[in-house]
N, C-alpha and C. Protein backbone atom coordinates (compact mmCIF):
# COMPACT_ATOMS: atom_id res chain seq x y z
N MET A 1 -22.42 197.14 258.24
CA MET A 1 -21.89 198.48 258.35
C MET A 1 -21.84 199.09 256.94
N THR A 2 -22.41 200.22 256.82
CA THR A 2 -22.41 200.88 255.52
C THR A 2 -21.32 201.95 255.52
N GLY A 3 -20.58 202.00 254.43
CA GLY A 3 -19.51 203.00 254.30
C GLY A 3 -20.05 204.25 253.62
N SER A 4 -19.49 205.35 253.98
CA SER A 4 -19.90 206.59 253.32
C SER A 4 -18.70 207.14 252.54
N LEU A 5 -18.98 207.67 251.41
CA LEU A 5 -17.94 208.25 250.59
C LEU A 5 -17.80 209.73 250.91
N LEU A 6 -16.59 210.15 251.04
CA LEU A 6 -16.31 211.55 251.29
C LEU A 6 -16.08 212.22 249.94
N THR A 7 -16.87 213.21 249.64
CA THR A 7 -16.67 213.92 248.37
C THR A 7 -15.90 215.20 248.64
N MET A 8 -14.92 215.43 247.81
CA MET A 8 -14.06 216.59 247.95
C MET A 8 -14.55 217.70 247.02
N GLN A 9 -14.60 218.90 247.53
CA GLN A 9 -15.03 220.04 246.74
C GLN A 9 -13.81 220.92 246.44
N TYR A 10 -13.17 220.64 245.31
CA TYR A 10 -12.03 221.46 244.91
C TYR A 10 -12.54 222.73 244.24
N GLN A 11 -11.94 223.85 244.56
CA GLN A 11 -12.32 225.14 243.98
C GLN A 11 -11.26 225.53 242.95
N LEU A 12 -11.27 224.83 241.82
CA LEU A 12 -10.24 224.98 240.81
C LEU A 12 -10.14 226.40 240.24
N LYS A 13 -11.23 227.11 240.21
CA LYS A 13 -11.21 228.46 239.65
C LYS A 13 -10.41 229.44 240.50
N GLN A 14 -10.12 229.08 241.72
CA GLN A 14 -9.36 229.96 242.61
C GLN A 14 -7.87 229.61 242.67
N TRP A 15 -7.47 228.52 242.04
CA TRP A 15 -6.06 228.14 242.04
C TRP A 15 -5.27 229.16 241.24
N GLN A 16 -4.05 229.47 241.70
CA GLN A 16 -3.21 230.46 241.02
C GLN A 16 -1.77 229.96 240.93
N TYR A 17 -1.07 230.44 239.90
CA TYR A 17 0.31 230.05 239.68
C TYR A 17 1.07 231.20 239.03
N SER A 18 2.28 231.48 239.50
CA SER A 18 3.12 232.51 238.90
C SER A 18 4.58 232.05 238.91
N SER A 19 5.33 232.46 237.88
CA SER A 19 6.76 232.16 237.79
C SER A 19 7.53 233.42 237.43
N TRP A 20 8.74 233.54 237.97
CA TRP A 20 9.61 234.68 237.71
C TRP A 20 11.00 234.20 237.36
N VAL A 21 11.75 235.05 236.68
CA VAL A 21 13.16 234.80 236.41
C VAL A 21 13.96 236.05 236.75
N LYS A 22 15.22 235.83 237.10
CA LYS A 22 16.15 236.94 237.34
C LYS A 22 17.55 236.39 237.11
N ASP A 23 18.19 236.89 236.06
CA ASP A 23 19.52 236.43 235.69
C ASP A 23 19.51 234.90 235.56
N THR A 24 20.15 234.20 236.47
CA THR A 24 20.20 232.74 236.39
C THR A 24 19.30 232.07 237.43
N ARG A 25 18.36 232.81 238.00
CA ARG A 25 17.51 232.29 239.07
C ARG A 25 16.06 232.17 238.61
N PHE A 26 15.31 231.28 239.20
CA PHE A 26 13.88 231.18 238.96
C PHE A 26 13.16 231.10 240.30
N TYR A 27 11.90 231.46 240.30
CA TYR A 27 11.06 231.38 241.49
C TYR A 27 9.63 231.13 241.01
N SER A 28 8.95 230.19 241.61
CA SER A 28 7.55 229.96 241.26
C SER A 28 6.73 229.78 242.53
N ILE A 29 5.47 230.13 242.43
CA ILE A 29 4.56 230.03 243.57
C ILE A 29 3.22 229.56 243.07
N ARG A 30 2.60 228.72 243.86
CA ARG A 30 1.30 228.14 243.50
C ARG A 30 0.38 228.17 244.71
N LEU A 31 -0.83 228.64 244.51
CA LEU A 31 -1.88 228.60 245.54
C LEU A 31 -2.89 227.58 245.07
N CYS A 32 -3.03 226.49 245.81
CA CYS A 32 -3.93 225.41 245.39
C CYS A 32 -4.39 224.62 246.61
N GLN A 33 -5.16 223.60 246.34
CA GLN A 33 -5.64 222.73 247.42
C GLN A 33 -4.88 221.41 247.37
N ASN A 34 -4.60 220.85 248.53
CA ASN A 34 -3.92 219.56 248.57
C ASN A 34 -4.94 218.43 248.42
N LEU A 35 -4.50 217.22 248.58
CA LEU A 35 -5.35 216.04 248.41
C LEU A 35 -6.57 216.06 249.32
N PHE A 36 -6.44 216.69 250.47
CA PHE A 36 -7.53 216.73 251.44
C PHE A 36 -8.43 217.95 251.30
N GLY A 37 -8.15 218.80 250.30
CA GLY A 37 -8.96 219.98 250.07
C GLY A 37 -8.54 221.20 250.86
N ASP A 38 -7.44 221.07 251.63
CA ASP A 38 -6.92 222.20 252.40
C ASP A 38 -6.11 223.11 251.49
N TRP A 39 -6.13 224.40 251.74
CA TRP A 39 -5.38 225.37 250.94
C TRP A 39 -3.92 225.36 251.35
N VAL A 40 -3.03 225.36 250.34
CA VAL A 40 -1.60 225.41 250.57
C VAL A 40 -0.96 226.38 249.58
N VAL A 41 0.17 226.94 249.97
CA VAL A 41 1.00 227.75 249.09
C VAL A 41 2.29 226.98 248.89
N GLN A 42 2.59 226.66 247.63
CA GLN A 42 3.80 225.92 247.29
C GLN A 42 4.77 226.87 246.61
N ARG A 43 6.00 226.94 247.13
CA ARG A 43 7.03 227.80 246.56
C ARG A 43 8.22 226.95 246.13
N THR A 44 8.78 227.26 244.96
CA THR A 44 9.95 226.57 244.44
C THR A 44 10.92 227.61 243.91
N TRP A 45 12.22 227.42 244.17
CA TRP A 45 13.21 228.38 243.69
C TRP A 45 14.54 227.68 243.48
N GLY A 46 15.39 228.34 242.69
CA GLY A 46 16.73 227.79 242.45
C GLY A 46 17.36 228.39 241.22
N ARG A 47 18.37 227.70 240.67
CA ARG A 47 19.04 228.12 239.46
C ARG A 47 18.25 227.63 238.26
N ASN A 48 18.21 228.44 237.19
CA ASN A 48 17.48 228.04 235.99
C ASN A 48 17.99 226.75 235.40
N MET A 49 19.25 226.49 235.52
CA MET A 49 19.83 225.27 234.96
C MET A 49 19.25 224.03 235.63
N THR A 50 18.75 224.18 236.85
CA THR A 50 18.22 223.03 237.59
C THR A 50 16.73 223.20 237.87
N GLN A 51 16.01 223.92 237.00
CA GLN A 51 14.60 224.19 237.26
C GLN A 51 13.85 222.88 237.50
N GLY A 52 13.07 222.85 238.53
CA GLY A 52 12.37 221.64 238.92
C GLY A 52 13.13 220.88 239.99
N ALA A 53 14.43 221.14 240.11
CA ALA A 53 15.25 220.44 241.09
C ALA A 53 15.76 221.39 242.19
N GLY A 54 15.18 222.57 242.26
CA GLY A 54 15.60 223.53 243.27
C GLY A 54 14.98 223.20 244.62
N GLN A 55 15.00 224.15 245.49
CA GLN A 55 14.40 223.97 246.81
C GLN A 55 12.92 224.30 246.75
N SER A 56 12.17 223.74 247.69
CA SER A 56 10.73 224.03 247.74
C SER A 56 10.25 224.09 249.18
N LEU A 57 9.13 224.76 249.33
CA LEU A 57 8.52 224.92 250.65
C LEU A 57 7.01 224.95 250.46
N THR A 58 6.30 224.19 251.26
CA THR A 58 4.84 224.18 251.22
C THR A 58 4.33 224.70 252.55
N THR A 59 3.44 225.70 252.48
CA THR A 59 2.86 226.31 253.67
C THR A 59 1.38 225.98 253.73
N ASP A 60 0.94 225.37 254.82
CA ASP A 60 -0.47 225.08 255.01
C ASP A 60 -1.19 226.35 255.44
N CYS A 61 -2.39 226.55 254.91
CA CYS A 61 -3.18 227.74 255.21
C CYS A 61 -4.50 227.35 255.86
N ASP A 62 -5.00 228.21 256.72
CA ASP A 62 -6.27 227.95 257.38
C ASP A 62 -7.44 228.06 256.41
N ASN A 63 -7.32 228.96 255.43
CA ASN A 63 -8.39 229.17 254.45
C ASN A 63 -7.82 229.81 253.19
N TYR A 64 -8.65 230.02 252.21
CA TYR A 64 -8.22 230.61 250.94
C TYR A 64 -7.69 232.02 251.14
N GLN A 65 -8.32 232.81 251.97
CA GLN A 65 -7.92 234.21 252.18
C GLN A 65 -6.50 234.29 252.72
N GLN A 66 -6.15 233.44 253.65
CA GLN A 66 -4.80 233.44 254.20
C GLN A 66 -3.80 233.04 253.12
N GLY A 67 -4.13 232.03 252.32
CA GLY A 67 -3.26 231.61 251.23
C GLY A 67 -3.07 232.71 250.20
N LEU A 68 -4.14 233.41 249.88
CA LEU A 68 -4.08 234.51 248.91
C LEU A 68 -3.19 235.64 249.44
N ALA A 69 -3.28 235.92 250.73
CA ALA A 69 -2.44 236.97 251.32
C ALA A 69 -0.95 236.59 251.21
N ILE A 70 -0.61 235.35 251.48
CA ILE A 70 0.77 234.88 251.36
C ILE A 70 1.21 234.95 249.90
N TYR A 71 0.36 234.51 249.00
CA TYR A 71 0.64 234.52 247.56
C TYR A 71 0.93 235.95 247.08
N GLN A 72 0.09 236.88 247.45
CA GLN A 72 0.27 238.28 247.03
C GLN A 72 1.51 238.91 247.66
N GLN A 73 1.80 238.55 248.90
CA GLN A 73 3.00 239.05 249.57
C GLN A 73 4.25 238.58 248.83
N GLN A 74 4.26 237.32 248.41
CA GLN A 74 5.40 236.79 247.68
C GLN A 74 5.53 237.41 246.30
N GLN A 75 4.40 237.70 245.65
CA GLN A 75 4.44 238.38 244.35
C GLN A 75 5.12 239.74 244.49
N ALA A 76 4.73 240.51 245.47
CA ALA A 76 5.30 241.83 245.71
C ALA A 76 6.79 241.72 246.03
N ARG A 77 7.16 240.71 246.79
CA ARG A 77 8.56 240.52 247.17
C ARG A 77 9.43 240.20 245.96
N ARG A 78 8.92 239.36 245.05
CA ARG A 78 9.67 239.03 243.83
C ARG A 78 9.90 240.28 242.98
N LEU A 79 8.87 241.09 242.80
CA LEU A 79 9.00 242.30 241.99
C LEU A 79 9.98 243.27 242.64
N LYS A 80 9.91 243.41 243.95
CA LYS A 80 10.81 244.30 244.67
C LYS A 80 12.26 243.86 244.52
N ARG A 81 12.49 242.56 244.44
CA ARG A 81 13.85 242.03 244.31
C ARG A 81 14.34 241.96 242.86
N GLY A 82 13.55 242.50 241.94
CA GLY A 82 14.01 242.59 240.55
C GLY A 82 13.71 241.40 239.67
N TYR A 83 12.88 240.48 240.13
CA TYR A 83 12.49 239.34 239.30
C TYR A 83 11.51 239.81 238.22
N ILE A 84 11.52 239.13 237.09
CA ILE A 84 10.62 239.46 235.99
C ILE A 84 9.57 238.36 235.89
N LEU A 85 8.31 238.75 235.98
CA LEU A 85 7.21 237.80 235.87
C LEU A 85 7.15 237.30 234.44
N TYR A 86 7.24 235.97 234.26
CA TYR A 86 7.15 235.46 232.90
C TYR A 86 5.99 234.51 232.68
N ARG A 87 5.33 234.11 233.73
CA ARG A 87 4.16 233.26 233.55
C ARG A 87 3.24 233.43 234.74
N THR A 88 1.98 233.60 234.46
CA THR A 88 1.00 233.64 235.54
C THR A 88 -0.26 232.96 235.04
N HIS A 89 -0.92 232.27 235.94
CA HIS A 89 -2.06 231.47 235.55
C HIS A 89 -3.13 231.53 236.65
N LEU A 90 -4.28 231.97 236.27
CA LEU A 90 -5.43 231.96 237.18
C LEU A 90 -6.49 231.12 236.51
N ARG A 91 -6.43 229.83 236.75
CA ARG A 91 -7.36 228.83 236.21
C ARG A 91 -7.98 229.22 234.87
N SER A 92 -7.41 228.79 233.80
CA SER A 92 -7.87 229.01 232.42
C SER A 92 -7.67 230.44 231.95
N GLN A 93 -6.86 231.21 232.61
CA GLN A 93 -6.67 232.60 232.23
C GLN A 93 -5.17 232.91 232.26
N LYS A 94 -4.49 232.68 231.14
CA LYS A 94 -3.06 232.95 231.07
C LYS A 94 -2.83 234.35 230.55
N LYS A 95 -1.86 235.02 231.12
CA LYS A 95 -1.51 236.37 230.68
C LYS A 95 -0.31 236.27 229.75
N SER A 96 -0.31 237.07 228.70
CA SER A 96 0.83 237.07 227.79
C SER A 96 1.91 238.00 228.35
N ILE A 97 3.12 237.76 227.93
CA ILE A 97 4.24 238.55 228.40
C ILE A 97 4.61 239.57 227.33
N ASN A 98 4.56 240.83 227.67
CA ASN A 98 4.88 241.90 226.73
C ASN A 98 6.23 242.53 227.00
N ASP A 99 6.86 242.20 228.09
CA ASP A 99 8.15 242.78 228.44
C ASP A 99 9.24 242.17 227.57
N PRO A 100 9.95 242.98 226.75
CA PRO A 100 10.98 242.45 225.86
C PRO A 100 12.12 241.73 226.60
N LYS A 101 12.49 242.23 227.78
CA LYS A 101 13.55 241.58 228.55
C LYS A 101 13.12 240.19 229.01
N ALA A 102 11.87 240.07 229.43
CA ALA A 102 11.36 238.76 229.86
C ALA A 102 11.31 237.81 228.67
N ARG A 103 10.88 238.29 227.52
CA ARG A 103 10.82 237.44 226.32
C ARG A 103 12.21 236.94 225.94
N ALA A 104 13.22 237.81 226.03
CA ALA A 104 14.58 237.42 225.70
C ALA A 104 15.08 236.33 226.65
N LEU A 105 14.80 236.49 227.96
CA LEU A 105 15.19 235.47 228.93
C LEU A 105 14.49 234.15 228.66
N ILE A 106 13.21 234.21 228.33
CA ILE A 106 12.45 232.99 228.06
C ILE A 106 13.04 232.28 226.85
N LYS A 107 13.32 233.01 225.78
CA LYS A 107 13.90 232.40 224.57
C LYS A 107 15.23 231.74 224.90
N PHE A 108 16.05 232.39 225.73
CA PHE A 108 17.33 231.82 226.09
C PHE A 108 17.15 230.51 226.83
N PHE A 109 16.27 230.48 227.81
CA PHE A 109 16.09 229.27 228.61
C PHE A 109 15.38 228.16 227.86
N VAL A 110 14.50 228.53 226.95
CA VAL A 110 13.80 227.50 226.16
C VAL A 110 14.79 226.81 225.23
N ARG A 111 15.74 227.56 224.67
CA ARG A 111 16.75 226.98 223.77
C ARG A 111 17.83 226.22 224.53
N SER A 112 17.97 226.47 225.81
CA SER A 112 19.00 225.84 226.60
C SER A 112 18.70 224.36 226.76
N GLU A 113 19.76 223.55 226.73
CA GLU A 113 19.60 222.11 226.88
C GLU A 113 19.30 221.72 228.33
N TYR A 114 19.46 222.66 229.25
CA TYR A 114 19.27 222.35 230.67
C TYR A 114 17.83 222.48 231.14
N CYS A 115 16.97 223.07 230.35
CA CYS A 115 15.59 223.29 230.81
C CYS A 115 14.69 222.18 230.33
């Protein structure tokens, strides 16, 4: 019996990531592929003091387009709720932050012993 290897085709150039802050809260969202190559949207949120230890939710998507729609919907929702975008990443393409309020929040959290 001969075994066949399954090769996975990851589309890394389409992966996206964004993070927001608001007062003492953080929210991040990621559009990527899981181990099996299926598209998923991963969301994490909580208090800045516990970043990385907040709540999370992973949504399975039928295809990239559905994942992108969820990703964009969440981006709009964060902005509507007053969150400040402080990091966004589209595979090798990072955007700089020019908003002075966002920079001040980032400096505060970077200096904090809790982050």
